N, C-alpha and C. Protein backbone atom coordinates (compact mmCIF):
# COMPACT_ATOMS: atom_id res chain seq x y z
N UNK A 1 86.19 98.27 126.86
CA UNK A 1 86.65 99.16 125.83
C UNK A 1 85.48 99.45 124.89
N UNK A 2 85.38 100.72 124.47
CA UNK A 2 84.33 101.03 123.50
C UNK A 2 84.68 102.23 122.67
N UNK A 3 84.06 102.30 121.52
CA UNK A 3 84.20 103.44 120.61
C UNK A 3 82.80 103.81 120.14
N UNK A 4 82.55 105.10 120.10
CA UNK A 4 81.24 105.61 119.69
C UNK A 4 81.41 106.32 118.34
N UNK A 5 80.57 105.95 117.38
CA UNK A 5 80.58 106.55 116.06
C UNK A 5 79.23 107.21 115.79
N UNK A 6 79.25 108.31 115.09
CA UNK A 6 78.00 109.00 114.73
C UNK A 6 77.45 108.40 113.44
N UNK A 7 76.15 108.37 113.34
CA UNK A 7 75.50 107.88 112.14
C UNK A 7 74.15 108.54 111.95
N UNK A 8 73.54 108.25 110.81
CA UNK A 8 72.22 108.80 110.51
C UNK A 8 71.40 107.71 109.81
N UNK A 9 70.13 107.62 110.18
CA UNK A 9 69.24 106.65 109.54
C UNK A 9 68.93 107.16 108.14
N UNK A 10 69.40 106.43 107.13
CA UNK A 10 69.19 106.84 105.73
C UNK A 10 67.78 106.49 105.27
N UNK A 11 67.35 105.25 105.58
CA UNK A 11 66.01 104.85 105.16
C UNK A 11 65.53 103.68 106.00
N UNK A 12 64.23 103.48 105.96
CA UNK A 12 63.58 102.34 106.60
C UNK A 12 63.17 101.40 105.48
N UNK A 13 63.56 100.13 105.63
CA UNK A 13 63.29 99.13 104.59
C UNK A 13 62.17 98.21 105.06
N UNK A 14 61.10 98.23 104.31
CA UNK A 14 59.96 97.37 104.63
C UNK A 14 60.32 95.92 104.28
N UNK A 15 59.88 94.96 105.09
CA UNK A 15 60.22 93.55 104.82
C UNK A 15 59.43 93.00 103.63
N UNK A 16 60.02 92.03 102.93
CA UNK A 16 59.29 91.41 101.82
C UNK A 16 58.12 90.56 102.32
N UNK A 17 58.24 90.07 103.55
CA UNK A 17 57.18 89.28 104.17
C UNK A 17 56.67 90.08 105.38
N UNK A 18 55.37 90.37 105.45
CA UNK A 18 54.84 91.24 106.52
C UNK A 18 55.11 90.76 107.95
N UNK A 19 55.36 89.48 108.14
CA UNK A 19 55.60 88.97 109.50
C UNK A 19 57.02 89.24 109.99
N UNK A 20 57.92 89.64 109.08
CA UNK A 20 59.30 89.94 109.46
C UNK A 20 59.41 91.41 109.85
N UNK A 21 60.39 91.75 110.70
CA UNK A 21 60.54 93.15 111.11
C UNK A 21 61.17 94.00 110.00
N UNK A 22 60.83 95.30 110.01
CA UNK A 22 61.48 96.20 109.06
C UNK A 22 62.92 96.45 109.51
N UNK A 23 63.72 97.00 108.61
CA UNK A 23 65.12 97.27 108.90
C UNK A 23 65.40 98.76 108.75
N UNK A 24 66.36 99.23 109.53
CA UNK A 24 66.83 100.60 109.42
C UNK A 24 68.21 100.55 108.79
N UNK A 25 68.41 101.32 107.73
CA UNK A 25 69.73 101.43 107.11
C UNK A 25 70.40 102.66 107.70
N UNK A 26 71.56 102.45 108.32
CA UNK A 26 72.28 103.51 109.01
C UNK A 26 73.60 103.76 108.30
N UNK A 27 73.86 105.03 108.00
CA UNK A 27 75.13 105.43 107.40
C UNK A 27 76.04 105.89 108.54
N UNK A 28 77.21 105.23 108.69
CA UNK A 28 78.15 105.54 109.76
C UNK A 28 79.18 106.54 109.23
N UNK A 29 79.25 107.72 109.82
CA UNK A 29 80.07 108.82 109.32
C UNK A 29 81.55 108.46 109.18
N UNK A 30 82.14 107.82 110.18
CA UNK A 30 83.58 107.57 110.19
C UNK A 30 84.00 106.29 109.47
N UNK A 31 83.07 105.54 108.93
CA UNK A 31 83.41 104.28 108.27
C UNK A 31 83.95 104.54 106.86
N UNK A 32 84.70 103.58 106.34
CA UNK A 32 85.18 103.65 104.96
C UNK A 32 83.98 103.56 104.01
N UNK A 33 84.13 104.14 102.83
CA UNK A 33 83.03 104.21 101.87
C UNK A 33 82.35 102.87 101.62
N UNK A 34 83.12 101.82 101.44
CA UNK A 34 82.55 100.52 101.14
C UNK A 34 81.73 99.94 102.29
N UNK A 35 82.00 100.41 103.52
CA UNK A 35 81.37 99.83 104.71
C UNK A 35 80.52 100.84 105.46
N UNK A 36 80.14 101.92 104.83
CA UNK A 36 79.41 102.99 105.50
C UNK A 36 78.03 102.60 105.98
N UNK A 37 77.33 101.77 105.21
CA UNK A 37 75.95 101.45 105.58
C UNK A 37 75.85 100.11 106.31
N UNK A 38 75.10 100.14 107.39
CA UNK A 38 74.75 98.91 108.08
C UNK A 38 73.24 98.84 108.18
N UNK A 39 72.72 97.64 108.27
CA UNK A 39 71.27 97.46 108.41
C UNK A 39 71.00 96.66 109.67
N UNK A 40 70.06 97.15 110.44
CA UNK A 40 69.67 96.47 111.68
C UNK A 40 68.15 96.35 111.71
N UNK A 41 67.65 95.42 112.51
CA UNK A 41 66.21 95.35 112.71
C UNK A 41 65.79 96.64 113.40
N UNK A 42 64.72 97.22 112.93
CA UNK A 42 64.25 98.50 113.46
C UNK A 42 63.32 98.28 114.66
N UNK A 43 63.86 97.60 115.65
CA UNK A 43 63.12 97.35 116.89
C UNK A 43 64.03 97.75 118.04
N UNK A 44 63.64 98.78 118.76
CA UNK A 44 64.41 99.29 119.90
C UNK A 44 63.52 99.25 121.13
N UNK A 45 64.15 99.45 122.27
CA UNK A 45 63.42 99.53 123.53
C UNK A 45 63.76 100.87 124.19
N UNK A 46 62.74 101.64 124.56
CA UNK A 46 63.01 102.92 125.21
C UNK A 46 63.29 102.73 126.69
N UNK A 47 63.56 103.83 127.38
CA UNK A 47 63.93 103.75 128.80
C UNK A 47 62.83 103.19 129.70
N UNK A 48 61.57 103.16 129.22
CA UNK A 48 60.47 102.60 129.99
C UNK A 48 60.22 101.13 129.65
N UNK A 49 61.05 100.57 128.73
CA UNK A 49 60.87 99.19 128.32
C UNK A 49 59.86 99.00 127.21
N UNK A 50 59.37 100.11 126.64
CA UNK A 50 58.40 100.04 125.54
C UNK A 50 59.13 99.90 124.21
N UNK A 51 58.49 99.22 123.25
CA UNK A 51 59.07 99.06 121.92
C UNK A 51 59.03 100.41 121.19
N UNK A 52 60.07 100.65 120.39
CA UNK A 52 60.17 101.88 119.62
C UNK A 52 60.87 101.56 118.30
N UNK A 53 60.85 102.50 117.36
CA UNK A 53 61.50 102.32 116.06
C UNK A 53 62.15 103.63 115.65
N UNK A 54 63.22 103.53 114.88
CA UNK A 54 63.92 104.71 114.39
C UNK A 54 63.16 105.33 113.22
N UNK A 55 63.33 106.64 113.06
CA UNK A 55 62.72 107.37 111.94
C UNK A 55 63.80 107.71 110.92
N UNK A 56 63.45 107.83 109.64
CA UNK A 56 64.44 108.27 108.65
C UNK A 56 65.00 109.63 109.03
N UNK A 57 66.30 109.81 108.88
CA UNK A 57 66.96 111.07 109.21
C UNK A 57 67.41 111.18 110.64
N UNK A 58 67.03 110.22 111.49
CA UNK A 58 67.41 110.28 112.90
C UNK A 58 68.93 110.16 113.05
N UNK A 59 69.51 111.00 113.91
CA UNK A 59 70.93 110.88 114.23
C UNK A 59 71.07 109.84 115.34
N UNK A 60 72.04 108.93 115.16
CA UNK A 60 72.22 107.83 116.11
C UNK A 60 73.70 107.69 116.46
N UNK A 61 73.96 107.02 117.56
CA UNK A 61 75.30 106.62 117.95
C UNK A 61 75.41 105.12 117.71
N UNK A 62 76.49 104.71 117.05
CA UNK A 62 76.79 103.29 116.87
C UNK A 62 77.95 103.01 117.82
N UNK A 63 77.74 102.12 118.78
CA UNK A 63 78.74 101.85 119.81
C UNK A 63 79.34 100.47 119.56
N UNK A 64 80.68 100.45 119.46
CA UNK A 64 81.43 99.20 119.34
C UNK A 64 82.01 98.94 120.72
N UNK A 65 81.65 97.83 121.33
CA UNK A 65 82.09 97.54 122.69
C UNK A 65 82.68 96.14 122.75
N UNK A 66 83.82 96.03 123.44
CA UNK A 66 84.48 94.73 123.58
C UNK A 66 85.06 94.61 124.97
N UNK A 67 85.08 93.39 125.48
CA UNK A 67 85.73 93.11 126.75
C UNK A 67 87.23 93.38 126.58
N UNK A 68 87.89 93.84 127.64
CA UNK A 68 89.33 94.16 127.53
C UNK A 68 90.16 92.93 127.16
N UNK A 69 89.67 91.74 127.47
CA UNK A 69 90.42 90.52 127.09
C UNK A 69 90.39 90.29 125.57
N UNK A 70 89.53 91.00 124.85
CA UNK A 70 89.42 90.84 123.41
C UNK A 70 90.19 91.93 122.66
N UNK A 71 90.98 92.73 123.38
CA UNK A 71 91.72 93.83 122.77
C UNK A 71 93.21 93.71 123.07
N UNK A 72 94.00 94.44 122.29
CA UNK A 72 95.45 94.52 122.54
C UNK A 72 95.83 95.99 122.68
N UNK A 73 96.89 96.25 123.44
CA UNK A 73 97.35 97.63 123.61
C UNK A 73 98.06 98.09 122.35
N UNK A 74 97.85 99.36 122.00
CA UNK A 74 98.53 99.95 120.87
C UNK A 74 99.63 100.85 121.41
N UNK A 75 100.78 100.87 120.76
CA UNK A 75 101.84 101.78 121.23
C UNK A 75 101.43 103.23 121.03
N UNK A 76 101.91 104.14 121.87
CA UNK A 76 101.57 105.55 121.71
C UNK A 76 102.06 106.08 120.38
N UNK A 77 101.31 106.98 119.81
CA UNK A 77 101.70 107.56 118.51
C UNK A 77 102.20 108.97 118.66
């Protein structure tokens, strides 16, 4: 089971200690106001296996994925 949400990279946060990775702050469009922003390490891997990083303003997909054993059926609405 999965759900895909749209988001945008609001800013890149430099680490207080240079040896730590920078973070990307992502605003998730469909999230409630209090929970709109998430921060992740700004280290990605491209399709060739090379390291990459997000840019400010980049549009991203945030994917929530769970095994079917971790979900329950909802009645039709």
